[in-house]
Amino acid sequence: GRIQCVVVGCRRTAPKEKYPEGTRIICGKCWRLAPRYLRRRYSRLRRIMRKLHIELDDLDFGGTKPGSPERRVLVLWYENWDRIVGRATEARMGIG
């Protein structure tokens, strides 16, 4: 099976076997449509997540305490991901 890019209107896909269950992906073409500052923030947050031993496979808040550094990084990561998807979708549709 295949996983479709999350950007509305994009038809690109990736192999399902390569990603954990429930993964959302953005294809490279749509990724480059997002503003550079959001992509850089994503990279910085990923580095911090690796330092704190937060895996992308288990991105839920279950194992983190409210107010903990891990929880704060996860919240920032999710917010940034949603902004990237939104801005890439806007760019793809010619809005803004």
C-alpha atoms as a PDB file:
ATOM      1  CA  GLY A   1       0.000   0.000   0.000  1.00  0.00           C
ATOM      2  CA  ARG A   2       0.880   3.666  -0.207  1.00  0.00           C
ATOM      3  CA  ILE A   3       0.535   6.738   2.036  1.00  0.00           C
ATOM      4  CA  GLN A   4      -0.651   9.936   0.362  1.00  0.00           C
ATOM      5  CA  CYS A   5       0.940  13.344   0.952  1.00  0.00           C
ATOM      6  CA  VAL A   6      -1.149  15.292   3.506  1.00  0.00           C
ATOM      7  CA  VAL A   7      -1.227  18.447   1.408  1.00  0.00           C
ATOM      8  CA  VAL A   8      -4.669  18.866  -0.131  1.00  0.00           C
ATOM      9  CA  GLY A   9      -4.535  18.568  -3.901  1.00  0.00           C
ATOM     10  CA  CYS A  10      -1.230  16.663  -3.997  1.00  0.00           C
ATOM     11  CA  ARG A  11      -1.370  13.163  -5.418  1.00  0.00           C
ATOM     12  CA  ARG A  12       2.143  12.010  -4.531  1.00  0.00           C
ATOM     13  CA  THR A  13       2.574   8.936  -2.320  1.00  0.00           C
ATOM     14  CA  ALA A  14       5.206   7.026  -0.346  1.00  0.00           C
ATOM     15  CA  PRO A  15       5.522   3.307   0.438  1.00  0.00           C
ATOM     16  CA  LYS A  16       3.523   2.326   3.537  1.00  0.00           C
ATOM     17  CA  GLU A  17       6.167  -0.224   4.608  1.00  0.00           C
ATOM     18  CA  LYS A  18       8.713   2.560   5.119  1.00  0.00           C
ATOM     19  CA  TYR A  19       6.686   4.346   7.834  1.00  0.00           C
ATOM     20  CA  PRO A  20       5.036   3.350  11.131  1.00  0.00           C
ATOM     21  CA  GLU A  21       1.256   2.907  11.239  1.00  0.00           C
ATOM     22  CA  GLY A  22      -0.667   6.178  11.206  1.00  0.00           C
ATOM     23  CA  THR A  23       2.203   8.283   9.846  1.00  0.00           C
ATOM     24  CA  ARG A  24       1.372  11.429   7.903  1.00  0.00           C
ATOM     25  CA  ILE A  25       3.864  12.491   5.249  1.00  0.00           C
ATOM     26  CA  ILE A  26       4.590  15.552   3.146  1.00  0.00           C
ATOM     27  CA  CYS A  27       6.265  14.834  -0.188  1.00  0.00           C
ATOM     28  CA  GLY A  28       9.470  16.681  -1.052  1.00  0.00           C
ATOM     29  CA  LYS A  29       7.759  18.870  -3.614  1.00  0.00           C
ATOM     30  CA  CYS A  30       5.165  20.122  -1.099  1.00  0.00           C
ATOM     31  CA  TRP A  31       7.778  20.365   1.683  1.00  0.00           C
ATOM     32  CA  ARG A  32       9.653  22.949  -0.383  1.00  0.00           C
ATOM     33  CA  LEU A  33       6.444  24.990  -0.732  1.00  0.00           C
ATOM     34  CA  ALA A  34       6.430  25.635   3.047  1.00  0.00           C
ATOM     35  CA  PRO A  35       8.357  28.699   4.255  1.00  0.00           C
ATOM     36  CA  ARG A  36      12.011  28.088   5.042  1.00  0.00           C
ATOM     37  CA  TYR A  37      11.710  29.363   8.628  1.00  0.00           C
ATOM     38  CA  LEU A  38       9.076  26.684   9.414  1.00  0.00           C
ATOM     39  CA  ARG A  39      11.200  23.949   7.837  1.00  0.00           C
ATOM     40  CA  ARG A  40      14.208  25.092   9.870  1.00  0.00           C
ATOM     41  CA  ARG A  41      12.149  25.169  13.056  1.00  0.00           C
ATOM     42  CA  TYR A  42      11.025  21.608  12.260  1.00  0.00           C
ATOM     43  CA  SER A  43      14.686  20.520  11.970  1.00  0.00           C
ATOM     44  CA  ARG A  44      15.620  22.237  15.243  1.00  0.00           C
ATOM     45  CA  LEU A  45      12.711  20.606  17.064  1.00  0.00           C
ATOM     46  CA  ARG A  46      13.659  17.194  15.640  1.00  0.00           C
ATOM     47  CA  ARG A  47      17.216  17.636  16.961  1.00  0.00           C
ATOM     48  CA  ILE A  48      15.855  18.519  20.403  1.00  0.00           C
ATOM     49  CA  MET A  49      13.504  15.516  20.250  1.00  0.00           C
ATOM     50  CA  ARG A  50      16.430  13.210  19.471  1.00  0.00           C
ATOM     51  CA  LYS A  51      18.370  14.715  22.375  1.00  0.00           C
ATOM     52  CA  LEU A  52      15.414  14.055  24.699  1.00  0.00           C
ATOM     53  CA  HIS A  53      14.984  10.535  23.209  1.00  0.00           C
ATOM     54  CA  ILE A  54      11.505  11.274  21.818  1.00  0.00           C
ATOM     55  CA  GLU A  55      10.809   8.953  18.881  1.00  0.00           C
ATOM     56  CA  LEU A  56       8.556   9.855  15.965  1.00  0.00           C
ATOM     57  CA  ASP A  57       6.871   6.436  16.303  1.00  0.00           C
ATOM     58  CA  ASP A  58       5.331   7.334  19.665  1.00  0.00           C
ATOM     59  CA  LEU A  59       4.249  10.941  19.236  1.00  0.00           C
ATOM     60  CA  ASP A  60       1.546  11.018  21.850  1.00  0.00           C
ATOM     61  CA  PHE A  61       1.358  12.840  25.128  1.00  0.00           C
ATOM     62  CA  GLY A  62       0.753   9.687  27.165  1.00  0.00           C
ATOM     63  CA  GLY A  63       4.302   9.285  28.441  1.00  0.00           C
ATOM     64  CA  THR A  64       4.938  12.963  29.198  1.00  0.00           C
ATOM     65  CA  LYS A  65       3.977  15.026  32.215  1.00  0.00           C
ATOM     66  CA  PRO A  66       2.236  18.377  31.721  1.00  0.00           C
ATOM     67  CA  GLY A  67       4.849  21.152  31.834  1.00  0.00           C
ATOM     68  CA  SER A  68       7.769  18.789  31.216  1.00  0.00           C
ATOM     69  CA  PRO A  69      10.374  19.715  28.577  1.00  0.00           C
ATOM     70  CA  GLU A  70       9.309  16.672  26.551  1.00  0.00           C
ATOM     71  CA  ARG A  71       5.664  17.792  26.525  1.00  0.00           C
ATOM     72  CA  ARG A  72       6.605  21.356  25.546  1.00  0.00           C
ATOM     73  CA  VAL A  73       8.746  20.118  22.650  1.00  0.00           C
ATOM     74  CA  LEU A  74       5.944  17.801  21.457  1.00  0.00           C
ATOM     75  CA  VAL A  75       3.400  20.639  21.552  1.00  0.00           C
ATOM     76  CA  LEU A  76       5.754  22.910  19.593  1.00  0.00           C
ATOM     77  CA  TRP A  77       6.468  20.111  17.108  1.00  0.00           C
ATOM     78  CA  TYR A  78       2.751  19.423  16.478  1.00  0.00           C
ATOM     79  CA  GLU A  79       1.953  23.128  16.117  1.00  0.00           C
ATOM     80  CA  ASN A  80       4.839  23.601  13.698  1.00  0.00           C
ATOM     81  CA  TRP A  81       3.842  20.499  11.672  1.00  0.00           C
ATOM     82  CA  ASP A  82       0.285  21.835  11.332  1.00  0.00           C
ATOM     83  CA  ARG A  83       1.617  25.228  10.198  1.00  0.00           C
ATOM     84  CA  ILE A  84       3.853  23.556   7.599  1.00  0.00           C
ATOM     85  CA  VAL A  85       0.926  21.519   6.242  1.00  0.00           C
ATOM     86  CA  GLY A  86      -1.303  24.606   6.188  1.00  0.00           C
ATOM     87  CA  ARG A  87       1.215  26.852   4.464  1.00  0.00           C
ATOM     88  CA  ALA A  88       2.161  24.163   1.916  1.00  0.00           C
ATOM     89  CA  THR A  89      -1.549  23.618   1.171  1.00  0.00           C
ATOM     90  CA  GLU A  90      -2.086  27.357   0.733  1.00  0.00           C
ATOM     91  CA  ALA A  91       0.904  27.600  -1.602  1.00  0.00           C
ATOM     92  CA  ARG A  92      -0.237  24.558  -3.590  1.00  0.00           C
ATOM     93  CA  MET A  93      -3.695  26.077  -4.083  1.00  0.00           C
ATOM     94  CA  GLY A  94      -2.323  29.523  -4.903  1.00  0.00           C
ATOM     95  CA  ILE A  95      -3.656  31.189  -1.748  1.00  0.00           C
ATOM     96  CA  GLY A  96      -1.394  33.726  -0.024  1.00  0.00           C
END
